Amino acid sequence: MSSQVIDRRRVLVVEDSQEDAEAIERALNRTHPHLVLEFTHRADGLVERLTGGPLLPGMILLDLNMPGVSGHSALASIRACPALSAVTVVVFTSSTAPAEEDACYAAGADSYVYKPVNFELFRTVLKGAVDFWQESPGRGGSAAGGA
């Protein structure tokens, strides 16, 4: 039985592009300064990392196209792990392909958000996604890791 607790103030950003990671950090520091942002540039070992500590992030911002383990594989691994079922996964990607979006939702993504190139729009889109999931109870509530 997992004793992990979801901390909705924590957001794990899985993003291989340093430029995009910095943009996400700048945007969220402006719009949600209370959030605790954690960054990783690879999805390798992600499930083990998440399940290895006492706290789970309330949200994972997941890029799809990364070296090593892809975002698609990471999403499948996250959703295959019962201990992570209540963590919100927002795919935040540059891909606008409808088939890609459908595949992500089919694999268990909570949201699929396109990364705009313009920073102001980038910030607005990211703020909207975070606001939505911060205000909703998520997949399994805000307190414990499981429904």
C-alpha atoms as a PDB file:
ATOM      1  CA  MET A   1       0.000   0.000   0.000  1.00  0.00           C
ATOM      2  CA  SER A   2       1.397   3.390  -0.984  1.00  0.00           C
ATOM      3  CA  SER A   3       1.763   6.044   1.684  1.00  0.00           C
ATOM      4  CA  GLN A   4       2.528   8.771  -0.825  1.00  0.00           C
ATOM      5  CA  VAL A   5       0.640  12.043  -0.700  1.00  0.00           C
ATOM      6  CA  ILE A   6      -0.074  14.291  -3.664  1.00  0.00           C
ATOM      7  CA  ASP A   7       1.223  17.828  -3.238  1.00  0.00           C
ATOM      8  CA  ARG A   8      -0.829  19.914  -5.668  1.00  0.00           C
ATOM      9  CA  ARG A   9       1.673  22.768  -5.353  1.00  0.00           C
ATOM     10  CA  ARG A  10       4.366  20.616  -6.976  1.00  0.00           C
ATOM     11  CA  VAL A  11       4.691  20.386 -10.747  1.00  0.00           C
ATOM     12  CA  LEU A  12       7.163  18.070 -12.437  1.00  0.00           C
ATOM     13  CA  VAL A  13       8.212  19.326 -15.869  1.00  0.00           C
ATOM     14  CA  VAL A  14       9.591  16.627 -18.174  1.00  0.00           C
ATOM     15  CA  GLU A  15      11.154  18.634 -20.991  1.00  0.00           C
ATOM     16  CA  ASP A  16      14.385  18.014 -22.913  1.00  0.00           C
ATOM     17  CA  SER A  17      14.613  21.499 -24.450  1.00  0.00           C
ATOM     18  CA  GLN A  18      16.454  23.856 -22.099  1.00  0.00           C
ATOM     19  CA  GLU A  19      14.857  26.800 -23.896  1.00  0.00           C
ATOM     20  CA  ASP A  20      11.326  25.431 -23.387  1.00  0.00           C
ATOM     21  CA  ALA A  21      12.078  24.507 -19.759  1.00  0.00           C
ATOM     22  CA  GLU A  22      13.255  28.063 -19.091  1.00  0.00           C
ATOM     23  CA  ALA A  23      10.142  29.474 -20.790  1.00  0.00           C
ATOM     24  CA  ILE A  24       7.907  27.230 -18.667  1.00  0.00           C
ATOM     25  CA  GLU A  25       9.741  28.322 -15.533  1.00  0.00           C
ATOM     26  CA  ARG A  26       9.479  32.028 -16.432  1.00  0.00           C
ATOM     27  CA  ALA A  27       5.792  31.702 -17.336  1.00  0.00           C
ATOM     28  CA  LEU A  28       4.747  29.784 -14.234  1.00  0.00           C
ATOM     29  CA  ASN A  29       6.851  31.902 -11.880  1.00  0.00           C
ATOM     30  CA  ARG A  30       4.876  34.912 -13.138  1.00  0.00           C
ATOM     31  CA  THR A  31       1.412  33.349 -13.124  1.00  0.00           C
ATOM     32  CA  HIS A  32       1.709  30.812 -10.271  1.00  0.00           C
ATOM     33  CA  PRO A  33       4.561  31.891  -7.962  1.00  0.00           C
ATOM     34  CA  HIS A  34       3.296  29.509  -5.244  1.00  0.00           C
ATOM     35  CA  LEU A  35       4.064  26.420  -7.328  1.00  0.00           C
ATOM     36  CA  VAL A  36       7.163  24.360  -6.649  1.00  0.00           C
ATOM     37  CA  LEU A  37       8.619  23.456 -10.035  1.00  0.00           C
ATOM     38  CA  GLU A  38      10.878  20.462 -10.557  1.00  0.00           C
ATOM     39  CA  PHE A  39      12.555  19.767 -13.882  1.00  0.00           C
ATOM     40  CA  THR A  40      13.935  16.703 -15.568  1.00  0.00           C
ATOM     41  CA  HIS A  41      15.199  16.598 -19.148  1.00  0.00           C
ATOM     42  CA  ARG A  42      14.578  12.866 -19.671  1.00  0.00           C
ATOM     43  CA  ALA A  43      11.750  10.443 -18.977  1.00  0.00           C
ATOM     44  CA  ASP A  44      14.074   7.502 -18.273  1.00  0.00           C
ATOM     45  CA  GLY A  45      13.287   6.104 -14.811  1.00  0.00           C
ATOM     46  CA  LEU A  46      10.408   8.534 -14.342  1.00  0.00           C
ATOM     47  CA  VAL A  47       7.997   6.129 -12.633  1.00  0.00           C
ATOM     48  CA  GLU A  48      10.716   4.962 -10.244  1.00  0.00           C
ATOM     49  CA  ARG A  49      11.615   8.559  -9.450  1.00  0.00           C
ATOM     50  CA  LEU A  50       7.988   9.462  -8.804  1.00  0.00           C
ATOM     51  CA  THR A  51       7.204   6.446  -6.644  1.00  0.00           C
ATOM     52  CA  GLY A  52      10.488   6.602  -4.728  1.00  0.00           C
ATOM     53  CA  GLY A  53       9.594   9.431  -2.373  1.00  0.00           C
ATOM     54  CA  PRO A  54       6.830  10.371   0.051  1.00  0.00           C
ATOM     55  CA  LEU A  55       5.345  13.154  -2.121  1.00  0.00           C
ATOM     56  CA  LEU A  56       3.883  13.009  -5.605  1.00  0.00           C
ATOM     57  CA  PRO A  57       3.544  16.099  -7.779  1.00  0.00           C
ATOM     58  CA  GLY A  58       0.002  17.250  -8.386  1.00  0.00           C
ATOM     59  CA  MET A  59       0.809  17.662 -12.050  1.00  0.00           C
ATOM     60  CA  ILE A  60       3.283  16.453 -14.640  1.00  0.00           C
ATOM     61  CA  LEU A  61       3.898  18.645 -17.700  1.00  0.00           C
ATOM     62  CA  LEU A  62       5.126  16.121 -20.233  1.00  0.00           C
ATOM     63  CA  ASP A  63       6.855  16.798 -23.531  1.00  0.00           C
ATOM     64  CA  LEU A  64       6.411  14.062 -26.141  1.00  0.00           C
ATOM     65  CA  ASN A  65       9.549  14.228 -28.276  1.00  0.00           C
ATOM     66  CA  MET A  66      12.569  13.466 -26.127  1.00  0.00           C
ATOM     67  CA  PRO A  67      15.720  11.398 -26.478  1.00  0.00           C
ATOM     68  CA  GLY A  68      15.656   8.033 -24.736  1.00  0.00           C
ATOM     69  CA  VAL A  69      12.236   7.186 -23.376  1.00  0.00           C
ATOM     70  CA  SER A  70       9.645   9.150 -25.353  1.00  0.00           C
ATOM     71  CA  GLY A  71       6.785  11.081 -23.803  1.00  0.00           C
ATOM     72  CA  HIS A  72       4.398   8.477 -25.209  1.00  0.00           C
ATOM     73  CA  SER A  73       6.230   5.682 -23.396  1.00  0.00           C
ATOM     74  CA  ALA A  74       6.460   7.746 -20.212  1.00  0.00           C
ATOM     75  CA  LEU A  75       2.719   8.440 -20.323  1.00  0.00           C
ATOM     76  CA  ALA A  76       1.971   4.724 -20.762  1.00  0.00           C
ATOM     77  CA  SER A  77       4.263   3.869 -17.826  1.00  0.00           C
ATOM     78  CA  ILE A  78       2.708   6.508 -15.586  1.00  0.00           C
ATOM     79  CA  ARG A  79      -0.808   5.301 -16.327  1.00  0.00           C
ATOM     80  CA  ALA A  80       0.212   1.652 -15.831  1.00  0.00           C
ATOM     81  CA  CYS A  81       1.287   2.446 -12.262  1.00  0.00           C
ATOM     82  CA  PRO A  82      -1.664   2.430  -9.833  1.00  0.00           C
ATOM     83  CA  ALA A  83       0.234   4.603  -7.338  1.00  0.00           C
ATOM     84  CA  LEU A  84       0.275   7.417  -9.935  1.00  0.00           C
ATOM     85  CA  SER A  85      -3.374   7.205 -10.995  1.00  0.00           C
ATOM     86  CA  ALA A  86      -4.323  10.453  -9.228  1.00  0.00           C
ATOM     87  CA  VAL A  87      -1.479  12.528 -10.706  1.00  0.00           C
ATOM     88  CA  THR A  88      -2.618  14.899 -13.466  1.00  0.00           C
ATOM     89  CA  VAL A  89      -0.636  14.502 -16.689  1.00  0.00           C
ATOM     90  CA  VAL A  90      -0.715  17.409 -19.121  1.00  0.00           C
ATOM     91  CA  VAL A  91       1.013  16.747 -22.425  1.00  0.00           C
ATOM     92  CA  PHE A  92       2.635  20.052 -23.406  1.00  0.00           C
ATOM     93  CA  THR A  93       4.028  19.675 -26.898  1.00  0.00           C
ATOM     94  CA  SER A  94       4.738  21.347 -30.210  1.00  0.00           C
ATOM     95  CA  SER A  95       2.864  18.617 -32.105  1.00  0.00           C
ATOM     96  CA  THR A  96      -0.487  19.699 -33.564  1.00  0.00           C
ATOM     97  CA  ALA A  97      -1.263  16.348 -35.218  1.00  0.00           C
ATOM     98  CA  PRO A  98      -4.810  15.200 -34.355  1.00  0.00           C
ATOM     99  CA  ALA A  99      -3.682  11.553 -34.339  1.00  0.00           C
ATOM    100  CA  GLU A 100      -0.984  12.422 -31.777  1.00  0.00           C
ATOM    101  CA  GLU A 101      -3.544  14.156 -29.572  1.00  0.00           C
ATOM    102  CA  ASP A 102      -5.966  11.214 -29.858  1.00  0.00           C
ATOM    103  CA  ALA A 103      -3.197   8.768 -28.967  1.00  0.00           C
ATOM    104  CA  CYS A 104      -2.290  10.769 -25.865  1.00  0.00           C
ATOM    105  CA  TYR A 105      -5.861  10.898 -24.621  1.00  0.00           C
ATOM    106  CA  ALA A 106      -6.249   7.171 -25.337  1.00  0.00           C
ATOM    107  CA  ALA A 107      -3.106   6.531 -23.270  1.00  0.00           C
ATOM    108  CA  GLY A 108      -4.517   8.450 -20.311  1.00  0.00           C
ATOM    109  CA  ALA A 109      -3.405  12.076 -20.670  1.00  0.00           C
ATOM    110  CA  ASP A 110      -5.628  14.498 -18.773  1.00  0.00           C
ATOM    111  CA  SER A 111      -4.939  17.345 -21.205  1.00  0.00           C
ATOM    112  CA  TYR A 112      -3.127  17.934 -24.469  1.00  0.00           C
ATOM    113  CA  VAL A 113      -1.801  21.457 -24.853  1.00  0.00           C
ATOM    114  CA  TYR A 114       0.014  22.884 -27.863  1.00  0.00           C
ATOM    115  CA  LYS A 115       3.125  25.010 -27.147  1.00  0.00           C
ATOM    116  CA  PRO A 116       2.767  28.336 -28.950  1.00  0.00           C
ATOM    117  CA  VAL A 117       5.954  30.009 -30.174  1.00  0.00           C
ATOM    118  CA  ASN A 118       4.932  33.490 -28.949  1.00  0.00           C
ATOM    119  CA  PHE A 119       5.853  33.807 -25.245  1.00  0.00           C
ATOM    120  CA  GLU A 120       2.768  35.781 -24.206  1.00  0.00           C
ATOM    121  CA  LEU A 121       0.488  33.183 -25.793  1.00  0.00           C
ATOM    122  CA  PHE A 122       2.689  30.404 -24.368  1.00  0.00           C
ATOM    123  CA  ARG A 123       2.235  31.891 -20.884  1.00  0.00           C
ATOM    124  CA  THR A 124      -1.536  32.329 -21.358  1.00  0.00           C
ATOM    125  CA  VAL A 125      -2.040  28.759 -22.591  1.00  0.00           C
ATOM    126  CA  LEU A 126       0.098  27.298 -19.811  1.00  0.00           C
ATOM    127  CA  LYS A 127      -1.690  29.414 -17.192  1.00  0.00           C
ATOM    128  CA  GLY A 128      -5.064  28.178 -18.433  1.00  0.00           C
ATOM    129  CA  ALA A 129      -4.027  24.536 -18.209  1.00  0.00           C
ATOM    130  CA  VAL A 130      -2.528  24.909 -14.726  1.00  0.00           C
ATOM    131  CA  ASP A 131      -5.501  26.946 -13.479  1.00  0.00           C
ATOM    132  CA  PHE A 132      -7.927  24.301 -14.702  1.00  0.00           C
ATOM    133  CA  TRP A 133      -6.131  21.410 -13.006  1.00  0.00           C
ATOM    134  CA  GLN A 134      -5.334  23.352  -9.842  1.00  0.00           C
ATOM    135  CA  GLU A 135      -9.026  24.201  -9.396  1.00  0.00           C
ATOM    136  CA  SER A 136     -10.396  20.754 -10.242  1.00  0.00           C
ATOM    137  CA  PRO A 137     -10.084  17.825  -7.890  1.00  0.00           C
ATOM    138  CA  GLY A 138      -8.089  15.900 -10.510  1.00  0.00           C
ATOM    139  CA  ARG A 139      -8.254  12.192 -11.162  1.00  0.00           C
ATOM    140  CA  GLY A 140      -8.384  11.062  -7.566  1.00  0.00           C
ATOM    141  CA  GLY A 141      -8.516  14.027  -5.223  1.00  0.00           C
ATOM    142  CA  SER A 142      -5.919  16.359  -3.821  1.00  0.00           C
ATOM    143  CA  ALA A 143      -4.828  14.625  -0.670  1.00  0.00           C
ATOM    144  CA  ALA A 144      -3.975  10.973  -1.115  1.00  0.00           C
ATOM    145  CA  GLY A 145      -2.477   8.906  -3.916  1.00  0.00           C
ATOM    146  CA  GLY A 146      -5.456   6.791  -4.872  1.00  0.00           C
ATOM    147  CA  ALA A 147      -9.186   6.866  -5.141  1.00  0.00           C
END
